[in-house]
PDB file of N, CA and C in Angstrom:
ATOM      1  N   MET A   1     143.654 -39.017 143.510  1.00  0.00           N
ATOM      2  CA  MET A   1     143.302 -37.766 144.083  1.00  0.00           C
ATOM      3  C   MET A   1     141.783 -37.615 143.991  1.00  0.00           C
ATOM      4  N   ALA A   2     141.189 -37.150 145.060  1.00  0.00           N
ATOM      5  CA  ALA A   2     139.745 -37.011 145.124  1.00  0.00           C
ATOM      6  C   ALA A   2     139.327 -35.688 144.497  1.00  0.00           C
ATOM      7  N   ALA A   3     138.171 -35.713 143.862  1.00  0.00           N
ATOM      8  CA  ALA A   3     137.678 -34.501 143.209  1.00  0.00           C
ATOM      9  C   ALA A   3     137.168 -33.544 144.276  1.00  0.00           C
ATOM     10  N   ALA A   4     137.578 -32.316 144.185  1.00  0.00           N
ATOM     11  CA  ALA A   4     137.141 -31.307 145.149  1.00  0.00           C
ATOM     12  C   ALA A   4     135.841 -30.682 144.677  1.00  0.00           C
ATOM     13  N   ALA A   5     135.001 -30.335 145.622  1.00  0.00           N
ATOM     14  CA  ALA A   5     133.720 -29.696 145.279  1.00  0.00           C
ATOM     15  C   ALA A   5     133.981 -28.295 144.785  1.00  0.00           C
ATOM     16  N   THR A   6     133.276 -27.916 143.763  1.00  0.00           N
ATOM     17  CA  THR A   6     133.431 -26.596 143.194  1.00  0.00           C
ATOM     18  C   THR A   6     132.800 -25.578 144.138  1.00  0.00           C
ATOM     19  N   PRO A   7     133.538 -24.558 144.543  1.00  0.00           N
ATOM     20  CA  PRO A   7     132.956 -23.572 145.450  1.00  0.00           C
ATOM     21  C   PRO A   7     131.815 -22.818 144.774  1.00  0.00           C
ATOM     22  N   GLY A   8     130.736 -22.526 145.539  1.00  0.00           N
ATOM     23  CA  GLY A   8     129.604 -21.750 145.024  1.00  0.00           C
ATOM     24  C   GLY A   8     128.544 -22.599 144.360  1.00  0.00           C
ATOM     25  N   VAL A   9     128.773 -23.896 144.185  1.00  0.00           N
ATOM     26  CA  VAL A   9     127.772 -24.763 143.571  1.00  0.00           C
ATOM     27  C   VAL A   9     127.211 -25.657 144.664  1.00  0.00           C
ATOM     28  N   ALA A  10     125.935 -25.587 144.888  1.00  0.00           N
ATOM     29  CA  ALA A  10     125.313 -26.393 145.936  1.00  0.00           C
ATOM     30  C   ALA A  10     125.091 -27.793 145.413  1.00  0.00           C
ATOM     31  N   GLU A  11     125.308 -28.747 146.301  1.00  0.00           N
ATOM     32  CA  GLU A  11     125.065 -30.135 145.913  1.00  0.00           C
ATOM     33  C   GLU A  11     123.575 -30.392 145.998  1.00  0.00           C
ATOM     34  N   GLN A  12     123.070 -31.193 145.073  1.00  0.00           N
ATOM     35  CA  GLN A  12     121.654 -31.552 145.082  1.00  0.00           C
ATOM     36  C   GLN A  12     121.522 -33.010 145.433  1.00  0.00           C
ATOM     37  N   THR A  13     120.566 -33.302 146.268  1.00  0.00           N
ATOM     38  CA  THR A  13     120.287 -34.684 146.620  1.00  0.00           C
ATOM     39  C   THR A  13     119.547 -35.295 145.450  1.00  0.00           C
ATOM     40  N   PRO A  14     119.960 -36.500 145.025  1.00  0.00           N
ATOM     41  CA  PRO A  14     119.270 -37.128 143.900  1.00  0.00           C
ATOM     42  C   PRO A  14     117.797 -37.355 144.219  1.00  0.00           C
ATOM     43  N   GLY A  15     116.916 -37.052 143.271  1.00  0.00           N
ATOM     44  CA  GLY A  15     115.490 -37.307 143.418  1.00  0.00           C
ATOM     45  C   GLY A  15     114.727 -36.147 144.045  1.00  0.00           C
ATOM     46  N   VAL A  16     115.411 -35.129 144.512  1.00  0.00           N
ATOM     47  CA  VAL A  16     114.708 -33.994 145.111  1.00  0.00           C
ATOM     48  C   VAL A  16     114.843 -32.809 144.171  1.00  0.00           C
ATOM     49  N   ALA A  17     113.731 -32.348 143.652  1.00  0.00           N
ATOM     50  CA  ALA A  17     113.760 -31.220 142.721  1.00  0.00           C
ATOM     51  C   ALA A  17     113.429 -29.954 143.498  1.00  0.00           C
ATOM     52  N   GLU A  18     113.962 -28.847 143.004  1.00  0.00           N
ATOM     53  CA  GLU A  18     113.631 -27.575 143.643  1.00  0.00           C
ATOM     54  C   GLU A  18     112.176 -27.255 143.332  1.00  0.00           C
ATOM     55  N   GLN A  19     111.474 -26.707 144.341  1.00  0.00           N
ATOM     56  CA  GLN A  19     110.073 -26.389 144.178  1.00  0.00           C
ATOM     57  C   GLN A  19     109.909 -24.885 144.087  1.00  0.00           C
ATOM     58  N   THR A  20     109.001 -24.492 143.248  1.00  0.00           N
ATOM     59  CA  THR A  20     108.701 -23.069 143.145  1.00  0.00           C
ATOM     60  C   THR A  20     107.675 -22.719 144.210  1.00  0.00           C
ATOM     61  N   PRO A  21     107.723 -21.499 144.742  1.00  0.00           N
ATOM     62  CA  PRO A  21     106.735 -21.107 145.761  1.00  0.00           C
ATOM     63  C   PRO A  21     105.324 -21.177 145.189  1.00  0.00           C
ATOM     64  N   GLY A  22     104.376 -21.708 145.976  1.00  0.00           N
ATOM     65  CA  GLY A  22     102.983 -21.803 145.551  1.00  0.00           C
ATOM     66  C   GLY A  22     102.667 -23.079 144.806  1.00  0.00           C
ATOM     67  N   ALA A  23     103.674 -23.883 144.472  1.00  0.00           N
ATOM     68  CA  ALA A  23     103.418 -25.122 143.754  1.00  0.00           C
ATOM     69  C   ALA A  23     103.087 -26.214 144.750  1.00  0.00           C
ATOM     70  N   ALA A  24     102.353 -27.214 144.332  1.00  0.00           N
ATOM     71  CA  ALA A  24     102.006 -28.335 145.194  1.00  0.00           C
ATOM     72  C   ALA A  24     103.263 -29.148 145.468  1.00  0.00           C
ATOM     73  N   PRO A  25     103.402 -29.669 146.681  1.00  0.00           N
ATOM     74  CA  PRO A  25     104.569 -30.484 146.977  1.00  0.00           C
ATOM     75  C   PRO A  25     104.620 -31.694 146.054  1.00  0.00           C
ATOM     76  N   GLN A  26     105.841 -32.118 145.765  1.00  0.00           N
ATOM     77  CA  GLN A  26     105.995 -33.261 144.862  1.00  0.00           C
ATOM     78  C   GLN A  26     105.441 -34.494 145.543  1.00  0.00           C
ATOM     79  N   GLY A  27     104.670 -35.266 144.827  1.00  0.00           N
ATOM     80  CA  GLY A  27     104.063 -36.466 145.376  1.00  0.00           C
ATOM     81  C   GLY A  27     102.654 -36.221 145.886  1.00  0.00           C
ATOM     82  N   ALA A  28     102.274 -34.975 146.136  1.00  0.00           N
ATOM     83  CA  ALA A  28     100.919 -34.668 146.599  1.00  0.00           C
ATOM     84  C   ALA A  28      99.980 -34.634 145.406  1.00  0.00           C
ATOM     85  N   VAL A  29      98.763 -35.108 145.609  1.00  0.00           N
ATOM     86  CA  VAL A  29      97.769 -35.127 144.548  1.00  0.00           C
ATOM     87  C   VAL A  29      97.006 -33.812 144.603  1.00  0.00           C
ATOM     88  N   PRO A  30      96.960 -33.043 143.520  1.00  0.00           N
ATOM     89  CA  PRO A  30      96.195 -31.793 143.537  1.00  0.00           C
ATOM     90  C   PRO A  30      94.702 -32.083 143.621  1.00  0.00           C
ATOM     91  N   PHE A  31      93.944 -31.097 144.059  1.00  0.00           N
ATOM     92  CA  PHE A  31      92.495 -31.239 144.186  1.00  0.00           C
ATOM     93  C   PHE A  31      91.884 -31.460 142.813  1.00  0.00           C
ATOM     94  N   ASP A  32      91.079 -32.499 142.687  1.00  0.00           N
ATOM     95  CA  ASP A  32      90.437 -32.838 141.423  1.00  0.00           C
ATOM     96  C   ASP A  32      89.079 -32.145 141.355  1.00  0.00           C
ATOM     97  N   LEU A  33      88.942 -31.147 140.486  1.00  0.00           N
ATOM     98  CA  LEU A  33      87.717 -30.371 140.402  1.00  0.00           C
ATOM     99  C   LEU A  33      86.590 -31.107 139.681  1.00  0.00           C
ATOM    100  N   SER A  34      86.905 -32.214 139.030  1.00  0.00           N
ATOM    101  CA  SER A  34      85.863 -32.945 138.316  1.00  0.00           C
ATOM    102  C   SER A  34      85.061 -33.840 139.258  1.00  0.00           C
ATOM    103  N   GLN A  35      85.551 -34.068 140.467  1.00  0.00           N
ATOM    104  CA  GLN A  35      84.866 -34.901 141.444  1.00  0.00           C
ATOM    105  C   GLN A  35      84.447 -34.035 142.636  1.00  0.00           C
ATOM    106  N   ALA A  36      83.333 -34.380 143.249  1.00  0.00           N
ATOM    107  CA  ALA A  36      82.888 -33.682 144.444  1.00  0.00           C
ATOM    108  C   ALA A  36      83.801 -34.072 145.601  1.00  0.00           C
ATOM    109  N   PRO A  37      84.054 -33.156 146.524  1.00  0.00           N
ATOM    110  CA  PRO A  37      84.918 -33.500 147.656  1.00  0.00           C
ATOM    111  C   PRO A  37      84.238 -34.523 148.555  1.00  0.00           C
ATOM    112  N   ASN A  38      85.027 -35.382 149.165  1.00  0.00           N
ATOM    113  CA  ASN A  38      84.504 -36.401 150.051  1.00  0.00           C
ATOM    114  C   ASN A  38      84.538 -35.849 151.471  1.00  0.00           C
ATOM    115  N   ILE A  39      83.375 -35.528 152.018  1.00  0.00           N
ATOM    116  CA  ILE A  39      83.277 -34.971 153.351  1.00  0.00           C
ATOM    117  C   ILE A  39      82.667 -36.035 154.250  1.00  0.00           C
ATOM    118  N   GLU A  40      83.383 -36.375 155.304  1.00  0.00           N
ATOM    119  CA  GLU A  40      82.939 -37.432 156.189  1.00  0.00           C
ATOM    120  C   GLU A  40      81.624 -37.046 156.877  1.00  0.00           C
ATOM    121  N   GLY A  41      80.652 -37.954 156.859  1.00  0.00           N
ATOM    122  CA  GLY A  41      79.367 -37.717 157.506  1.00  0.00           C
ATOM    123  C   GLY A  41      78.394 -36.911 156.687  1.00  0.00           C
ATOM    124  N   PHE A  42      78.699 -36.604 155.450  1.00  0.00           N
ATOM    125  CA  PHE A  42      77.819 -35.793 154.601  1.00  0.00           C
ATOM    126  C   PHE A  42      77.460 -36.575 153.356  1.00  0.00           C
ATOM    127  N   SER A  43      76.168 -36.705 153.088  1.00  0.00           N
ATOM    128  CA  SER A  43      75.728 -37.352 151.850  1.00  0.00           C
ATOM    129  C   SER A  43      74.818 -36.382 151.109  1.00  0.00           C
ATOM    130  N   PRO A  44      75.256 -35.910 149.951  1.00  0.00           N
ATOM    131  CA  PRO A  44      74.449 -34.924 149.212  1.00  0.00           C
ATOM    132  C   PRO A  44      73.176 -35.538 148.658  1.00  0.00           C
ATOM    133  N   LEU A  45      72.162 -34.680 148.543  1.00  0.00           N
ATOM    134  CA  LEU A  45      70.907 -35.120 147.940  1.00  0.00           C
ATOM    135  C   LEU A  45      71.077 -35.213 146.433  1.00  0.00           C
ATOM    136  N   PRO A  46      70.348 -36.109 145.801  1.00  0.00           N
ATOM    137  CA  PRO A  46      70.448 -36.168 144.334  1.00  0.00           C
ATOM    138  C   PRO A  46      69.928 -34.878 143.716  1.00  0.00           C
ATOM    139  N   LYS A  47      70.503 -34.476 142.598  1.00  0.00           N
ATOM    140  CA  LYS A  47      70.116 -33.238 141.939  1.00  0.00           C
ATOM    141  C   LYS A  47      68.712 -33.374 141.371  1.00  0.00           C
ATOM    142  N   ALA A  48      67.878 -32.407 141.723  1.00  0.00           N
ATOM    143  CA  ALA A  48      66.516 -32.400 141.195  1.00  0.00           C
ATOM    144  C   ALA A  48      66.551 -31.972 139.731  1.00  0.00           C
ATOM    145  N   ARG A  49      65.571 -32.419 139.003  1.00  0.00           N
ATOM    146  CA  ARG A  49      65.531 -32.042 137.587  1.00  0.00           C
ATOM    147  C   ARG A  49      65.167 -30.572 137.475  1.00  0.00           C
ATOM    148  N   ASP A  50      65.571 -29.969 136.392  1.00  0.00           N
ATOM    149  CA  ASP A  50      65.288 -28.554 136.167  1.00  0.00           C
ATOM    150  C   ASP A  50      63.813 -28.366 135.811  1.00  0.00           C
ATOM    151  N   GLU A  51      63.212 -27.328 136.419  1.00  0.00           N
ATOM    152  CA  GLU A  51      61.818 -27.013 136.148  1.00  0.00           C
ATOM    153  C   GLU A  51      61.721 -25.928 135.091  1.00  0.00           C
ATOM    154  N   THR A  52      60.668 -25.965 134.332  1.00  0.00           N
ATOM    155  CA  THR A  52      60.400 -24.866 133.423  1.00  0.00           C
ATOM    156  C   THR A  52      59.775 -23.721 134.247  1.00  0.00           C
ATOM    157  N   PHE A  53      59.696 -22.542 133.658  1.00  0.00           N
ATOM    158  CA  PHE A  53      59.093 -21.405 134.348  1.00  0.00           C
ATOM    159  C   PHE A  53      57.645 -21.696 134.720  1.00  0.00           C
ATOM    160  N   LYS A  54      56.919 -22.302 133.794  1.00  0.00           N
ATOM    161  CA  LYS A  54      55.506 -22.589 134.025  1.00  0.00           C
ATOM    162  C   LYS A  54      55.322 -23.579 135.184  1.00  0.00           C
ATOM    163  N   GLU A  55      56.151 -24.628 135.236  1.00  0.00           N
ATOM    164  CA  GLU A  55      56.067 -25.610 136.315  1.00  0.00           C
ATOM    165  C   GLU A  55      56.411 -24.980 137.667  1.00  0.00           C
ATOM    166  N   LYS A  56      57.445 -24.152 137.677  1.00  0.00           N
ATOM    167  CA  LYS A  56      57.860 -23.497 138.923  1.00  0.00           C
ATOM    168  C   LYS A  56      56.783 -22.527 139.400  1.00  0.00           C
ATOM    169  N   PHE A  57      56.199 -21.767 138.471  1.00  0.00           N
ATOM    170  CA  PHE A  57      55.141 -20.827 138.832  1.00  0.00           C
ATOM    171  C   PHE A  57      53.947 -21.564 139.420  1.00  0.00           C
ATOM    172  N   ALA A  58      53.555 -22.683 138.804  1.00  0.00           N
ATOM    173  CA  ALA A  58      52.417 -23.467 139.302  1.00  0.00           C
ATOM    174  C   ALA A  58      52.721 -24.023 140.693  1.00  0.00           C
ATOM    175  N   ARG A  59      53.931 -24.523 140.908  1.00  0.00           N
ATOM    176  CA  ARG A  59      54.300 -25.091 142.213  1.00  0.00           C
ATOM    177  C   ARG A  59      54.308 -24.009 143.295  1.00  0.00           C
ATOM    178  N   LYS A  60      54.897 -22.850 142.983  1.00  0.00           N
ATOM    179  CA  LYS A  60      54.949 -21.766 143.956  1.00  0.00           C
ATOM    180  C   LYS A  60      53.546 -21.209 144.255  1.00  0.00           C
ATOM    181  N   THR A  61      52.677 -21.171 143.258  1.00  0.00           N
ATOM    182  CA  THR A  61      51.306 -20.689 143.456  1.00  0.00           C
ATOM    183  C   THR A  61      50.531 -21.638 144.368  1.00  0.00           C
ATOM    184  N   LYS A  62      50.764 -22.950 144.199  1.00  0.00           N
ATOM    185  CA  LYS A  62      50.099 -23.922 145.079  1.00  0.00           C
ATOM    186  C   LYS A  62      50.618 -23.813 146.515  1.00  0.00           C
ATOM    187  N   GLU A  63      51.922 -23.530 146.669  1.00  0.00           N
ATOM    188  CA  GLU A  63      52.503 -23.410 148.006  1.00  0.00           C
ATOM    189  C   GLU A  63      51.987 -22.180 148.741  1.00  0.00           C
ATOM    190  N   ASN A  64      51.862 -21.056 148.049  1.00  0.00           N
ATOM    191  CA  ASN A  64      51.407 -19.818 148.675  1.00  0.00           C
ATOM    192  C   ASN A  64      50.556 -19.035 147.674  1.00  0.00           C
ATOM    193  N   PRO A  65      49.247 -19.306 147.611  1.00  0.00           N
ATOM    194  CA  PRO A  65      48.405 -18.665 146.588  1.00  0.00           C
ATOM    195  C   PRO A  65      48.137 -17.185 146.835  1.00  0.00           C
ATOM    196  N   PHE A  66      48.434 -16.676 148.035  1.00  0.00           N
ATOM    197  CA  PHE A  66      48.122 -15.274 148.330  1.00  0.00           C
ATOM    198  C   PHE A  66      49.096 -14.301 147.681  1.00  0.00           C
ATOM    199  N   VAL A  67      50.295 -14.743 147.362  1.00  0.00           N
ATOM    200  CA  VAL A  67      51.277 -13.847 146.725  1.00  0.00           C
ATOM    201  C   VAL A  67      50.821 -13.444 145.315  1.00  0.00           C
ATOM    202  N   PRO A  68      50.457 -14.387 144.439  1.00  0.00           N
ATOM    203  CA  PRO A  68      49.975 -13.956 143.111  1.00  0.00           C
ATOM    204  C   PRO A  68      48.676 -13.142 143.188  1.00  0.00           C
ATOM    205  N   ILE A  69      47.824 -13.464 144.155  1.00  0.00           N
ATOM    206  CA  ILE A  69      46.590 -12.681 144.318  1.00  0.00           C
ATOM    207  C   ILE A  69      46.942 -11.239 144.687  1.00  0.00           C
ATOM    208  N   GLY A  70      47.876 -11.064 145.616  1.00  0.00           N
ATOM    209  CA  GLY A  70      48.308  -9.721 146.011  1.00  0.00           C
ATOM    210  C   GLY A  70      48.969  -8.979 144.865  1.00  0.00           C
ATOM    211  N   CYS A  71      49.768  -9.702 144.067  1.00  0.00           N
ATOM    212  CA  CYS A  71      50.426  -9.061 142.913  1.00  0.00           C
ATOM    213  C   CYS A  71      49.398  -8.601 141.885  1.00  0.00           C
ATOM    214  N   LEU A  72      48.407  -9.431 141.620  1.00  0.00           N
ATOM    215  CA  LEU A  72      47.358  -9.042 140.676  1.00  0.00           C
ATOM    216  C   LEU A  72      46.546  -7.849 141.220  1.00  0.00           C
ATOM    217  N   GLY A  73      46.248  -7.859 142.513  1.00  0.00           N
ATOM    218  CA  GLY A  73      45.531  -6.730 143.121  1.00  0.00           C
ATOM    219  C   GLY A  73      46.337  -5.439 143.030  1.00  0.00           C
ATOM    220  N   THR A  74      47.644  -5.546 143.272  1.00  0.00           N
ATOM    221  CA  THR A  74      48.507  -4.363 143.180  1.00  0.00           C
ATOM    222  C   THR A  74      48.535  -3.827 141.753  1.00  0.00           C
ATOM    223  N   ALA A  75      48.730  -4.719 140.795  1.00  0.00           N
ATOM    224  CA  ALA A  75      48.795  -4.291 139.393  1.00  0.00           C
ATOM    225  C   ALA A  75      47.455  -3.702 138.936  1.00  0.00           C
ATOM    226  N   GLY A  76      46.354  -4.333 139.350  1.00  0.00           N
ATOM    227  CA  GLY A  76      45.030  -3.826 138.971  1.00  0.00           C
ATOM    228  C   GLY A  76      44.759  -2.441 139.534  1.00  0.00           C
ATOM    229  N   ALA A  77      45.071  -2.246 140.822  1.00  0.00           N
ATOM    230  CA  ALA A  77      44.852  -0.937 141.439  1.00  0.00           C
ATOM    231  C   ALA A  77      45.737   0.122 140.790  1.00  0.00           C
ATOM    232  N   LEU A  78      46.983  -0.247 140.459  1.00  0.00           N
ATOM    233  CA  LEU A  78      47.881   0.702 139.808  1.00  0.00           C
ATOM    234  C   LEU A  78      47.366   1.118 138.432  1.00  0.00           C
ATOM    235  N   ILE A  79      46.955   0.131 137.645  1.00  0.00           N
ATOM    236  CA  ILE A  79      46.485   0.428 136.279  1.00  0.00           C
ATOM    237  C   ILE A  79      45.221   1.287 136.318  1.00  0.00           C
ATOM    238  N   TYR A  80      44.247   0.901 137.153  1.00  0.00           N
ATOM    239  CA  TYR A  80      43.001   1.680 137.227  1.00  0.00           C
ATOM    240  C   TYR A  80      43.251   3.052 137.842  1.00  0.00           C
ATOM    241  N   GLY A  81      44.165   3.149 138.796  1.00  0.00           N
ATOM    242  CA  GLY A  81      44.491   4.440 139.397  1.00  0.00           C
ATOM    243  C   GLY A  81      45.141   5.371 138.402  1.00  0.00           C
ATOM    244  N   LEU A  82      46.063   4.846 137.584  1.00  0.00           N
ATOM    245  CA  LEU A  82      46.698   5.673 136.552  1.00  0.00           C
ATOM    246  C   LEU A  82      45.682   6.094 135.487  1.00  0.00           C
ATOM    247  N   ARG A  83      44.783   5.204 135.158  1.00  0.00           N
ATOM    248  CA  ARG A  83      43.739   5.527 134.171  1.00  0.00           C
ATOM    249  C   ARG A  83      42.827   6.641 134.704  1.00  0.00           C
ATOM    250  N   ALA A  84      42.443   6.518 135.979  1.00  0.00           N
ATOM    251  CA  ALA A  84      41.592   7.551 136.583  1.00  0.00           C
ATOM    252  C   ALA A  84      42.338   8.884 136.667  1.00  0.00           C
ATOM    253  N   PHE A  85      43.623   8.848 136.966  1.00  0.00           N
ATOM    254  CA  PHE A  85      44.420  10.068 137.021  1.00  0.00           C
ATOM    255  C   PHE A  85      44.492  10.722 135.643  1.00  0.00           C
ATOM    256  N   HIS A  86      44.669   9.899 134.619  1.00  0.00           N
ATOM    257  CA  HIS A  86      44.735  10.412 133.245  1.00  0.00           C
ATOM    258  C   HIS A  86      43.412  11.049 132.824  1.00  0.00           C
ATOM    259  N   GLN A  87      42.290  10.510 133.299  1.00  0.00           N
ATOM    260  CA  GLN A  87      40.973  11.046 132.961  1.00  0.00           C
ATOM    261  C   GLN A  87      40.598  12.258 133.816  1.00  0.00           C
ATOM    262  N   GLY A  88      41.437  12.568 134.813  1.00  0.00           N
ATOM    263  CA  GLY A  88      41.167  13.746 135.656  1.00  0.00           C
ATOM    264  C   GLY A  88      40.304  13.445 136.863  1.00  0.00           C
ATOM    265  N   LYS A  89      40.058  12.196 137.165  1.00  0.00           N
ATOM    266  CA  LYS A  89      39.255  11.822 138.342  1.00  0.00           C
ATOM    267  C   LYS A  89      40.207  11.682 139.540  1.00  0.00           C
ATOM    268  N   THR A  90      40.528  12.822 140.146  1.00  0.00           N
ATOM    269  CA  THR A  90      41.557  12.820 141.191  1.00  0.00           C
ATOM    270  C   THR A  90      41.116  12.061 142.437  1.00  0.00           C
ATOM    271  N   ARG A  91      39.855  12.177 142.825  1.00  0.00           N
ATOM    272  CA  ARG A  91      39.370  11.475 144.031  1.00  0.00           C
ATOM    273  C   ARG A  91      39.472   9.969 143.843  1.00  0.00           C
ATOM    274  N   GLN A  92      38.995   9.460 142.717  1.00  0.00           N
ATOM    275  CA  GLN A  92      39.058   8.022 142.436  1.00  0.00           C
ATOM    276  C   GLN A  92      40.513   7.562 142.307  1.00  0.00           C
ATOM    277  N   SER A  93      41.354   8.381 141.705  1.00  0.00           N
ATOM    278  CA  SER A  93      42.763   8.051 141.556  1.00  0.00           C
ATOM    279  C   SER A  93      43.443   7.906 142.916  1.00  0.00           C
ATOM    280  N   GLN A  94      43.137   8.833 143.843  1.00  0.00           N
ATOM    281  CA  GLN A  94      43.711   8.768 145.185  1.00  0.00           C
ATOM    282  C   GLN A  94      43.258   7.516 145.927  1.00  0.00           C
ATOM    283  N   LEU A  95      41.994   7.174 145.804  1.00  0.00           N
ATOM    284  CA  LEU A  95      41.482   5.964 146.456  1.00  0.00           C
ATOM    285  C   LEU A  95      42.149   4.705 145.898  1.00  0.00           C
ATOM    286  N   LEU A  96      42.337   4.672 144.585  1.00  0.00           N
ATOM    287  CA  LEU A  96      42.967   3.499 143.971  1.00  0.00           C
ATOM    288  C   LEU A  96      44.449   3.396 144.330  1.00  0.00           C
ATOM    289  N   MET A  97      45.126   4.537 144.496  1.00  0.00           N
ATOM    290  CA  MET A  97      46.530   4.500 144.908  1.00  0.00           C
ATOM    291  C   MET A  97      46.644   4.005 146.358  1.00  0.00           C
ATOM    292  N   ARG A  98      45.682   4.393 147.199  1.00  0.00           N
ATOM    293  CA  ARG A  98      45.663   3.863 148.576  1.00  0.00           C
ATOM    294  C   ARG A  98      45.364   2.365 148.564  1.00  0.00           C
ATOM    295  N   GLY A  99      44.506   1.953 147.671  1.00  0.00           N
ATOM    296  CA  GLY A  99      44.242   0.517 147.516  1.00  0.00           C
ATOM    297  C   GLY A  99      45.480  -0.236 147.044  1.00  0.00           C
ATOM    298  N   ARG A 100      46.247   0.404 146.178  1.00  0.00           N
ATOM    299  CA  ARG A 100      47.491  -0.219 145.709  1.00  0.00           C
ATOM    300  C   ARG A 100      48.456  -0.425 146.862  1.00  0.00           C
ATOM    301  N   ILE A 101      48.585   0.576 147.742  1.00  0.00           N
ATOM    302  CA  ILE A 101      49.450   0.458 148.908  1.00  0.00           C
ATOM    303  C   ILE A 101      48.978  -0.681 149.805  1.00  0.00           C
ATOM    304  N   PHE A 102      47.666  -0.788 150.012  1.00  0.00           N
ATOM    305  CA  PHE A 102      47.119  -1.879 150.806  1.00  0.00           C
ATOM    306  C   PHE A 102      47.449  -3.228 150.161  1.00  0.00           C
ATOM    307  N   ALA A 103      47.274  -3.333 148.844  1.00  0.00           N
ATOM    308  CA  ALA A 103      47.559  -4.591 148.147  1.00  0.00           C
ATOM    309  C   ALA A 103      49.046  -4.938 148.226  1.00  0.00           C
ATOM    310  N   GLN A 104      49.926  -3.939 148.139  1.00  0.00           N
ATOM    311  CA  GLN A 104      51.364  -4.195 148.276  1.00  0.00           C
ATOM    312  C   GLN A 104      51.688  -4.709 149.672  1.00  0.00           C
ATOM    313  N   GLY A 105      51.080  -4.102 150.681  1.00  0.00           N
ATOM    314  CA  GLY A 105      51.293  -4.572 152.045  1.00  0.00           C
ATOM    315  C   GLY A 105      50.807  -5.991 152.233  1.00  0.00           C
ATOM    316  N   PHE A 106      49.650  -6.304 151.658  1.00  0.00           N
ATOM    317  CA  PHE A 106      49.115  -7.655 151.711  1.00  0.00           C
ATOM    318  C   PHE A 106      50.091  -8.648 151.069  1.00  0.00           C
ATOM    319  N   THR A 107      50.668  -8.264 149.948  1.00  0.00           N
ATOM    320  CA  THR A 107      51.616  -9.140 149.244  1.00  0.00           C
ATOM    321  C   THR A 107      52.877  -9.366 150.076  1.00  0.00           C
ATOM    322  N   VAL A 108      53.401  -8.316 150.671  1.00  0.00           N
ATOM    323  CA  VAL A 108      54.611  -8.453 151.499  1.00  0.00           C
ATOM    324  C   VAL A 108      54.328  -9.367 152.687  1.00  0.00           C
ATOM    325  N   VAL A 109      53.186  -9.178 153.354  1.00  0.00           N
ATOM    326  CA  VAL A 109      52.824 -10.045 154.475  1.00  0.00           C
ATOM    327  C   VAL A 109      52.668 -11.493 154.009  1.00  0.00           C
ATOM    328  N   ALA A 110      52.069 -11.711 152.849  1.00  0.00           N
ATOM    329  CA  ALA A 110      51.908 -13.063 152.320  1.00  0.00           C
ATOM    330  C   ALA A 110      53.266 -13.714 152.046  1.00  0.00           C
ATOM    331  N   ILE A 111      54.218 -12.949 151.535  1.00  0.00           N
ATOM    332  CA  ILE A 111      55.560 -13.478 151.288  1.00  0.00           C
ATOM    333  C   ILE A 111      56.225 -13.875 152.599  1.00  0.00           C
ATOM    334  N   ILE A 112      56.139 -13.009 153.609  1.00  0.00           N
ATOM    335  CA  ILE A 112      56.767 -13.288 154.907  1.00  0.00           C
ATOM    336  C   ILE A 112      56.134 -14.511 155.565  1.00  0.00           C
ATOM    337  N   VAL A 113      54.821 -14.589 155.549  1.00  0.00           N
ATOM    338  CA  VAL A 113      54.137 -15.752 156.121  1.00  0.00           C
ATOM    339  C   VAL A 113      54.533 -17.025 155.365  1.00  0.00           C
ATOM    340  N   GLY A 114      54.637 -16.936 154.059  1.00  0.00           N
ATOM    341  CA  GLY A 114      55.049 -18.102 153.267  1.00  0.00           C
ATOM    342  C   GLY A 114      56.457 -18.556 153.590  1.00  0.00           C
ATOM    343  N   VAL A 115      57.368 -17.608 153.811  1.00  0.00           N
ATOM    344  CA  VAL A 115      58.756 -17.966 154.161  1.00  0.00           C
ATOM    345  C   VAL A 115      58.780 -18.668 155.512  1.00  0.00           C
ATOM    346  N   PHE A 116      58.052 -18.129 156.509  1.00  0.00           N
ATOM    347  CA  PHE A 116      58.027 -18.762 157.821  1.00  0.00           C
ATOM    348  C   PHE A 116      57.355 -20.129 157.772  1.00  0.00           C
ATOM    349  N   ALA A 117      56.280 -20.256 157.002  1.00  0.00           N
ATOM    350  CA  ALA A 117      55.594 -21.548 156.892  1.00  0.00           C
ATOM    351  C   ALA A 117      56.510 -22.588 156.258  1.00  0.00           C
ATOM    352  N   THR A 118      57.265 -22.193 155.242  1.00  0.00           N
ATOM    353  CA  THR A 118      58.193 -23.126 154.598  1.00  0.00           C
ATOM    354  C   THR A 118      59.309 -23.520 155.562  1.00  0.00           C
ATOM    355  N   ALA A 119      59.821 -22.561 156.347  1.00  0.00           N
ATOM    356  CA  ALA A 119      60.876 -22.866 157.306  1.00  0.00           C
ATOM    357  C   ALA A 119      60.364 -23.826 158.388  1.00  0.00           C
ATOM    358  N   LEU A 120      59.151 -23.616 158.865  1.00  0.00           N
ATOM    359  CA  LEU A 120      58.580 -24.510 159.889  1.00  0.00           C
ATOM    360  C   LEU A 120      58.295 -25.898 159.324  1.00  0.00           C
ATOM    361  N   LYS A 121      57.887 -25.947 158.069  1.00  0.00           N
ATOM    362  CA  LYS A 121      57.594 -27.231 157.423  1.00  0.00           C
ATOM    363  C   LYS A 121      58.857 -28.080 157.306  1.00  0.00           C
ATOM    364  N   ARG A 122      60.001 -27.446 157.018  1.00  0.00           N
ATOM    365  CA  ARG A 122      61.262 -28.166 156.872  1.00  0.00           C
ATOM    366  C   ARG A 122      61.771 -28.692 158.205  1.00  0.00           C
ATOM    367  N   ASP A 123      61.466 -27.974 159.305  1.00  0.00           N
ATOM    368  CA  ASP A 123      61.922 -28.400 160.625  1.00  0.00           C
ATOM    369  C   ASP A 123      61.180 -29.636 161.106  1.00  0.00           C
ATOM    370  N   MET A 124      59.983 -29.846 160.611  1.00  0.00           N
ATOM    371  CA  MET A 124      59.189 -30.983 161.081  1.00  0.00           C
ATOM    372  C   MET A 124      59.566 -32.252 160.417  1.00  0.00           C
TER     373      MET A 124
END
């Protein structure tokens, strides 16, 4: 006599395990985070060494020397303007605050010109 299948019990195919939703399919290799992905036609540049603050500041100053000059002018006008205001020299204080605004504008323009110059340099 042949064994009858038990009602309500599903037969399982040997070698096929039930998968939980969201799990990787059996046999598929999960993404290895320790290795960089292999993208066809793309070769990454080697990682540059880390710069110290002093080295980065010197490099950026050589690339665009007008930004630190503008920052120093802004800080100088602000300090002298506040000093004149504290001493009660309102006319001199107002002139120095206007000079500070001019120096800030000069710095912003220097930053924008530096960004465009760097972008054009990379295209060449």
